[in-house]
Amino acid sequence: FSYVLILRTVLSLVAPKKQQKALSTCVCHICA
């Protein structure tokens, strides 16, 4: 549920670089 909200927030960002930076902070936790 938290990642659904995170994904919704990330997709609402206009700049692709900001989207990539936001998602990169979650990669480690998703792998764990």
All heavy atoms as atom14 arrays in JSON, in Angstrom:
{
  "sequence": "FSYVLILRTVLSLVAPKKQQKALSTCVCHICA",
  "atom14_mask": [
    [1, 1, 1, 1, 1, 1, 1, 1, 1, 1, 1, 0, 0, 0],
    [1, 1, 1, 1, 1, 1, 0, 0, 0, 0, 0, 0, 0, 0],
    [1, 1, 1, 1, 1, 1, 1, 1, 1, 1, 1, 1, 0, 0],
    [1, 1, 1, 1, 1, 1, 1, 0, 0, 0, 0, 0, 0, 0],
    [1, 1, 1, 1, 1, 1, 1, 1, 0, 0, 0, 0, 0, 0],
    [1, 1, 1, 1, 1, 1, 1, 1, 0, 0, 0, 0, 0, 0],
    [1, 1, 1, 1, 1, 1, 1, 1, 0, 0, 0, 0, 0, 0],
    [1, 1, 1, 1, 1, 1, 1, 1, 1, 1, 1, 0, 0, 0],
    [1, 1, 1, 1, 1, 1, 1, 0, 0, 0, 0, 0, 0, 0],
    [1, 1, 1, 1, 1, 1, 1, 0, 0, 0, 0, 0, 0, 0],
    [1, 1, 1, 1, 1, 1, 1, 1, 0, 0, 0, 0, 0, 0],
    [1, 1, 1, 1, 1, 1, 0, 0, 0, 0, 0, 0, 0, 0],
    [1, 1, 1, 1, 1, 1, 1, 1, 0, 0, 0, 0, 0, 0],
    [1, 1, 1, 1, 1, 1, 1, 0, 0, 0, 0, 0, 0, 0],
    [1, 1, 1, 1, 1, 0, 0, 0, 0, 0, 0, 0, 0, 0],
    [1, 1, 1, 1, 1, 1, 1, 0, 0, 0, 0, 0, 0, 0],
    [1, 1, 1, 1, 1, 1, 1, 1, 1, 0, 0, 0, 0, 0],
    [1, 1, 1, 1, 1, 1, 1, 1, 1, 0, 0, 0, 0, 0],
    [1, 1, 1, 1, 1, 1, 1, 1, 1, 0, 0, 0, 0, 0],
    [1, 1, 1, 1, 1, 1, 1, 1, 1, 0, 0, 0, 0, 0],
    [1, 1, 1, 1, 1, 1, 1, 1, 1, 0, 0, 0, 0, 0],
    [1, 1, 1, 1, 1, 0, 0, 0, 0, 0, 0, 0, 0, 0],
    [1, 1, 1, 1, 1, 1, 1, 1, 0, 0, 0, 0, 0, 0],
    [1, 1, 1, 1, 1, 1, 0, 0, 0, 0, 0, 0, 0, 0],
    [1, 1, 1, 1, 1, 1, 1, 0, 0, 0, 0, 0, 0, 0],
    [1, 1, 1, 1, 1, 1, 0, 0, 0, 0, 0, 0, 0, 0],
    [1, 1, 1, 1, 1, 1, 1, 0, 0, 0, 0, 0, 0, 0],
    [1, 1, 1, 1, 1, 1, 0, 0, 0, 0, 0, 0, 0, 0],
    [1, 1, 1, 1, 1, 1, 1, 1, 1, 1, 0, 0, 0, 0],
    [1, 1, 1, 1, 1, 1, 1, 1, 0, 0, 0, 0, 0, 0],
    [1, 1, 1, 1, 1, 1, 0, 0, 0, 0, 0, 0, 0, 0],
    [1, 1, 1, 1, 1, 0, 0, 0, 0, 0, 0, 0, 0, 0]
  ],
  "atom14_positions": [
    [[0.83, -1.21, 0.0], [0.0, 0.0, 0.0], [0.87, 1.26, 0.0], [0.57, 2.24, -0.71], [-0.91, 0.0, 1.23], [-1.8, 1.21, 1.32], [-2.83, 1.41, 0.41], [-1.59, 2.15, 2.33], [-3.64, 2.53, 0.5], [-2.4, 3.26, 2.43], [-3.43, 3.46, 1.52], [0.0, 0.0, 0.0], [0.0, 0.0, 0.0], [0.0, 0.0, 0.0]],
    [[1.95, 1.25, 0.78], [2.84, 2.41, 0.82], [3.5, 2.64, -0.53], [3.66, 3.79, -0.97], [3.9, 2.24, 1.91], [4.78, 1.18, 1.6], [0.0, 0.0, 0.0], [0.0, 0.0, 0.0], [0.0, 0.0, 0.0], [0.0, 0.0, 0.0], [0.0, 0.0, 0.0], [0.0, 0.0, 0.0], [0.0, 0.0, 0.0], [0.0, 0.0, 0.0]],
    [[3.83, 1.55, -1.24], [4.46, 1.72, -2.55], [3.47, 2.11, -3.64], [3.86, 2.71, -4.64], [5.24, 0.45, -2.94], [6.65, 0.5, -2.41], [7.01, -0.19, -1.27], [7.61, 1.29, -3.03], [8.3, -0.12, -0.76], [8.89, 1.37, -2.53], [9.23, 0.66, -1.4], [10.5, 0.76, -0.9], [0.0, 0.0, 0.0], [0.0, 0.0, 0.0]],
    [[2.2, 1.79, -3.46], [1.17, 2.3, -4.38], [1.09, 3.82, -4.25], [1.04, 4.54, -5.26], [-0.2, 1.65, -4.07], [-1.32, 2.38, -4.82], [-0.2, 0.19, -4.47], [0.0, 0.0, 0.0], [0.0, 0.0, 0.0], [0.0, 0.0, 0.0], [0.0, 0.0, 0.0], [0.0, 0.0, 0.0], [0.0, 0.0, 0.0], [0.0, 0.0, 0.0]],
    [[1.12, 4.31, -3.01], [1.09, 5.76, -2.79], [2.38, 6.42, -3.3], [2.35, 7.51, -3.87], [0.9, 6.06, -1.3], [-0.41, 5.57, -0.68], [-0.44, 5.89, 0.81], [-1.62, 6.2, -1.37], [0.0, 0.0, 0.0], [0.0, 0.0, 0.0], [0.0, 0.0, 0.0], [0.0, 0.0, 0.0], [0.0, 0.0, 0.0], [0.0, 0.0, 0.0]],
    [[3.51, 5.74, -3.07], [4.79, 6.27, -3.56], [4.8, 6.35, -5.08], [5.2, 7.36, -5.67], [5.96, 5.41, -3.05], [6.16, 5.61, -1.54], [7.25, 5.74, -3.79], [7.15, 4.66, -0.92], [0.0, 0.0, 0.0], [0.0, 0.0, 0.0], [0.0, 0.0, 0.0], [0.0, 0.0, 0.0], [0.0, 0.0, 0.0], [0.0, 0.0, 0.0]],
    [[4.32, 5.29, -5.73], [4.29, 5.25, -7.2], [3.38, 6.33, -7.76], [3.7, 6.98, -8.76], [3.84, 3.87, -7.68], [3.94, 3.59, -9.18], [5.39, 3.72, -9.65], [3.39, 2.22, -9.51], [0.0, 0.0, 0.0], [0.0, 0.0, 0.0], [0.0, 0.0, 0.0], [0.0, 0.0, 0.0], [0.0, 0.0, 0.0], [0.0, 0.0, 0.0]],
    [[2.25, 6.55, -7.1], [1.33, 7.59, -7.53], [1.98, 8.97, -7.42], [1.84, 9.82, -8.31], [0.06, 7.55, -6.69], [-1.05, 8.48, -7.2], [-2.27, 8.41, -6.3], [-1.99, 8.97, -4.97], [-2.93, 9.11, -4.02], [-4.17, 8.7, -4.24], [-2.6, 9.63, -2.84], [0.0, 0.0, 0.0], [0.0, 0.0, 0.0], [0.0, 0.0, 0.0]],
    [[2.72, 9.18, -6.34], [3.41, 10.46, -6.16], [4.52, 10.64, -7.2], [4.68, 11.73, -7.76], [4.01, 10.55, -4.75], [2.96, 10.38, -3.79], [4.69, 11.89, -4.53], [0.0, 0.0, 0.0], [0.0, 0.0, 0.0], [0.0, 0.0, 0.0], [0.0, 0.0, 0.0], [0.0, 0.0, 0.0], [0.0, 0.0, 0.0], [0.0, 0.0, 0.0]],
    [[5.26, 9.58, -7.47], [6.36, 9.65, -8.43], [5.84, 9.93, -9.84], [6.41, 10.74, -10.58], [7.18, 8.35, -8.4], [8.18, 8.3, -9.56], [7.93, 8.21, -7.08], [0.0, 0.0, 0.0], [0.0, 0.0, 0.0], [0.0, 0.0, 0.0], [0.0, 0.0, 0.0], [0.0, 0.0, 0.0], [0.0, 0.0, 0.0], [0.0, 0.0, 0.0]],
    [[4.75, 9.27, -10.22], [4.19, 9.47, -11.56], [3.6, 10.87, -11.73], [3.44, 11.34, -12.87], [3.12, 8.42, -11.84], [3.62, 6.98, -11.97], [2.46, 6.02, -12.17], [4.63, 6.85, -13.1], [0.0, 0.0, 0.0], [0.0, 0.0, 0.0], [0.0, 0.0, 0.0], [0.0, 0.0, 0.0], [0.0, 0.0, 0.0], [0.0, 0.0, 0.0]],
    [[3.27, 11.51, -10.64], [2.74, 12.88, -10.73], [3.84, 13.92, -10.93], [3.54, 15.08, -11.24], [1.94, 13.22, -9.46], [2.8, 13.26, -8.34], [0.0, 0.0, 0.0], [0.0, 0.0, 0.0], [0.0, 0.0, 0.0], [0.0, 0.0, 0.0], [0.0, 0.0, 0.0], [0.0, 0.0, 0.0], [0.0, 0.0, 0.0], [0.0, 0.0, 0.0]],
    [[5.11, 13.51, -10.74], [6.21, 14.43, -10.97], [6.4, 14.66, -12.46], [6.33, 13.72, -13.26], [7.51, 13.87, -10.37], [7.52, 13.65, -8.85], [8.81, 12.97, -8.41], [7.34, 14.97, -8.1], [0.0, 0.0, 0.0], [0.0, 0.0, 0.0], [0.0, 0.0, 0.0], [0.0, 0.0, 0.0], [0.0, 0.0, 0.0], [0.0, 0.0, 0.0]],
    [[6.65, 15.9, -12.84], [6.77, 16.25, -14.27], [8.16, 15.91, -14.79], [8.3, 15.33, -15.87], [6.45, 17.75, -14.47], [6.61, 18.12, -15.95], [5.05, 18.07, -13.97], [0.0, 0.0, 0.0], [0.0, 0.0, 0.0], [0.0, 0.0, 0.0], [0.0, 0.0, 0.0], [0.0, 0.0, 0.0], [0.0, 0.0, 0.0], [0.0, 0.0, 0.0]],
    [[9.17, 16.27, -14.03], [10.55, 16.08, -14.51], [10.96, 14.62, -14.43], [10.84, 14.0, -13.36], [11.49, 16.94, -13.68], [0.0, 0.0, 0.0], [0.0, 0.0, 0.0], [0.0, 0.0, 0.0], [0.0, 0.0, 0.0], [0.0, 0.0, 0.0], [0.0, 0.0, 0.0], [0.0, 0.0, 0.0], [0.0, 0.0, 0.0], [0.0, 0.0, 0.0]],
    [[11.44, 14.02, -15.52], [11.89, 12.62, -15.5], [13.04, 12.36, -14.53], [13.13, 11.3, -13.94], [12.32, 12.36, -16.95], [11.64, 13.42, -17.75], [11.52, 14.61, -16.86], [0.0, 0.0, 0.0], [0.0, 0.0, 0.0], [0.0, 0.0, 0.0], [0.0, 0.0, 0.0], [0.0, 0.0, 0.0], [0.0, 0.0, 0.0], [0.0, 0.0, 0.0]],
    [[13.93, 13.37, -14.38], [15.07, 13.19, -13.47], [14.6, 13.07, -12.03], [15.15, 12.28, -11.25], [16.04, 14.36, -13.61], [16.85, 14.33, -14.9], [17.91, 15.42, -14.92], [18.75, 15.33, -16.18], [19.78, 16.4, -16.23], [0.0, 0.0, 0.0], [0.0, 0.0, 0.0], [0.0, 0.0, 0.0], [0.0, 0.0, 0.0], [0.0, 0.0, 0.0]],
    [[13.57, 13.85, -11.67], [13.02, 13.75, -10.32], [12.35, 12.41, -10.1], [12.44, 11.83, -9.01], [12.03, 14.89, -10.08], [12.66, 16.26, -9.93], [11.63, 17.31, -9.57], [12.28, 18.67, -9.34], [11.27, 19.71, -8.99], [0.0, 0.0, 0.0], [0.0, 0.0, 0.0], [0.0, 0.0, 0.0], [0.0, 0.0, 0.0], [0.0, 0.0, 0.0]],
    [[11.68, 11.89, -11.12], [11.06, 10.56, -11.02], [12.12, 9.49, -10.8], [11.98, 8.61, -9.94], [10.27, 10.26, -12.29], [9.0, 11.06, -12.46], [8.24, 10.64, -13.71], [8.74, 9.91, -14.56], [7.0, 11.1, -13.81], [0.0, 0.0, 0.0], [0.0, 0.0, 0.0], [0.0, 0.0, 0.0], [0.0, 0.0, 0.0], [0.0, 0.0, 0.0]],
    [[13.2, 9.57, -11.58], [14.27, 8.58, -11.46], [14.95, 8.65, -10.1], [15.25, 7.62, -9.49], [15.3, 8.81, -12.57], [16.39, 7.74, -12.63], [17.35, 7.97, -13.78], [17.21, 8.93, -14.53], [18.34, 7.11, -13.91], [0.0, 0.0, 0.0], [0.0, 0.0, 0.0], [0.0, 0.0, 0.0], [0.0, 0.0, 0.0], [0.0, 0.0, 0.0]],
    [[15.16, 9.87, -9.61], [15.81, 10.04, -8.3], [14.92, 9.5, -7.18], [15.4, 8.84, -6.24], [16.11, 11.52, -8.06], [16.87, 11.78, -6.77], [17.17, 13.25, -6.6], [17.9, 13.51, -5.28], [18.19, 14.95, -5.08], [0.0, 0.0, 0.0], [0.0, 0.0, 0.0], [0.0, 0.0, 0.0], [0.0, 0.0, 0.0], [0.0, 0.0, 0.0]],
    [[13.6, 9.75, -7.29], [12.68, 9.27, -6.26], [12.62, 7.75, -6.24], [12.61, 7.12, -5.18], [11.29, 9.86, -6.49], [0.0, 0.0, 0.0], [0.0, 0.0, 0.0], [0.0, 0.0, 0.0], [0.0, 0.0, 0.0], [0.0, 0.0, 0.0], [0.0, 0.0, 0.0], [0.0, 0.0, 0.0], [0.0, 0.0, 0.0], [0.0, 0.0, 0.0]],
    [[12.57, 7.15, -7.42], [12.49, 5.69, -7.5], [13.8, 5.03, -7.08], [13.79, 3.93, -6.5], [12.13, 5.25, -8.92], [10.68, 5.47, -9.35], [10.49, 5.11, -10.82], [9.72, 4.66, -8.48], [0.0, 0.0, 0.0], [0.0, 0.0, 0.0], [0.0, 0.0, 0.0], [0.0, 0.0, 0.0], [0.0, 0.0, 0.0], [0.0, 0.0, 0.0]],
    [[14.93, 5.69, -7.37], [16.23, 5.1, -7.02], [16.4, 4.96, -5.51], [17.11, 4.06, -5.03], [17.37, 5.94, -7.6], [17.39, 7.22, -7.0], [0.0, 0.0, 0.0], [0.0, 0.0, 0.0], [0.0, 0.0, 0.0], [0.0, 0.0, 0.0], [0.0, 0.0, 0.0], [0.0, 0.0, 0.0], [0.0, 0.0, 0.0], [0.0, 0.0, 0.0]],
    [[15.74, 5.84, -4.74], [15.83, 5.74, -3.28], [15.06, 4.54, -2.74], [15.27, 4.13, -1.59], [15.3, 7.02, -2.61], [13.91, 7.19, -2.95], [16.08, 8.24, -3.07], [0.0, 0.0, 0.0], [0.0, 0.0, 0.0], [0.0, 0.0, 0.0], [0.0, 0.0, 0.0], [0.0, 0.0, 0.0], [0.0, 0.0, 0.0], [0.0, 0.0, 0.0]],
    [[14.17, 3.98, -3.55], [13.35, 2.85, -3.1], [13.85, 1.5, -3.6], [13.34, 0.46, -3.18], [11.9, 3.03, -3.57], [11.11, 4.53, -2.98], [0.0, 0.0, 0.0], [0.0, 0.0, 0.0], [0.0, 0.0, 0.0], [0.0, 0.0, 0.0], [0.0, 0.0, 0.0], [0.0, 0.0, 0.0], [0.0, 0.0, 0.0], [0.0, 0.0, 0.0]],
    [[14.82, 1.52, -4.52], [15.28, 0.27, -5.14], [15.81, -0.71, -4.1], [15.48, -1.9, -4.11], [16.35, 0.57, -6.21], [17.03, -0.72, -6.67], [15.72, 1.28, -7.4], [0.0, 0.0, 0.0], [0.0, 0.0, 0.0], [0.0, 0.0, 0.0], [0.0, 0.0, 0.0], [0.0, 0.0, 0.0], [0.0, 0.0, 0.0], [0.0, 0.0, 0.0]],
    [[16.65, -0.22, -3.19], [17.25, -1.09, -2.17], [16.17, -1.75, -1.31], [16.23, -2.96, -1.04], [18.19, -0.29, -1.28], [19.64, 0.35, -2.14], [0.0, 0.0, 0.0], [0.0, 0.0, 0.0], [0.0, 0.0, 0.0], [0.0, 0.0, 0.0], [0.0, 0.0, 0.0], [0.0, 0.0, 0.0], [0.0, 0.0, 0.0], [0.0, 0.0, 0.0]],
    [[15.19, -0.94, -0.89], [14.14, -1.49, -0.03], [13.27, -2.5, -0.78], [12.88, -3.52, -0.22], [13.27, -0.36, 0.51], [12.25, -0.82, 1.5], [10.9, -0.82, 1.22], [12.37, -1.33, 2.76], [10.25, -1.29, 2.27], [11.11, -1.61, 3.21], [0.0, 0.0, 0.0], [0.0, 0.0, 0.0], [0.0, 0.0, 0.0], [0.0, 0.0, 0.0]],
    [[12.97, -2.25, -2.05], [12.18, -3.19, -2.85], [12.93, -4.52, -2.99], [12.34, -5.6, -2.88], [11.87, -2.59, -4.24], [10.91, -1.4, -4.1], [11.27, -3.64, -5.17], [10.7, -0.62, -5.38], [0.0, 0.0, 0.0], [0.0, 0.0, 0.0], [0.0, 0.0, 0.0], [0.0, 0.0, 0.0], [0.0, 0.0, 0.0], [0.0, 0.0, 0.0]],
    [[14.25, -4.44, -3.2], [15.06, -5.66, -3.29], [15.05, -6.41, -1.96], [14.94, -7.65, -1.94], [16.5, -5.31, -3.68], [16.67, -4.67, -5.35], [0.0, 0.0, 0.0], [0.0, 0.0, 0.0], [0.0, 0.0, 0.0], [0.0, 0.0, 0.0], [0.0, 0.0, 0.0], [0.0, 0.0, 0.0], [0.0, 0.0, 0.0], [0.0, 0.0, 0.0]],
    [[15.18, -5.69, -0.85], [15.17, -6.32, 0.47], [13.83, -7.01, 0.74], [13.8, -8.12, 1.29], [15.45, -5.28, 1.55], [0.0, 0.0, 0.0], [0.0, 0.0, 0.0], [0.0, 0.0, 0.0], [0.0, 0.0, 0.0], [0.0, 0.0, 0.0], [0.0, 0.0, 0.0], [0.0, 0.0, 0.0], [0.0, 0.0, 0.0], [0.0, 0.0, 0.0]]
  ]
}
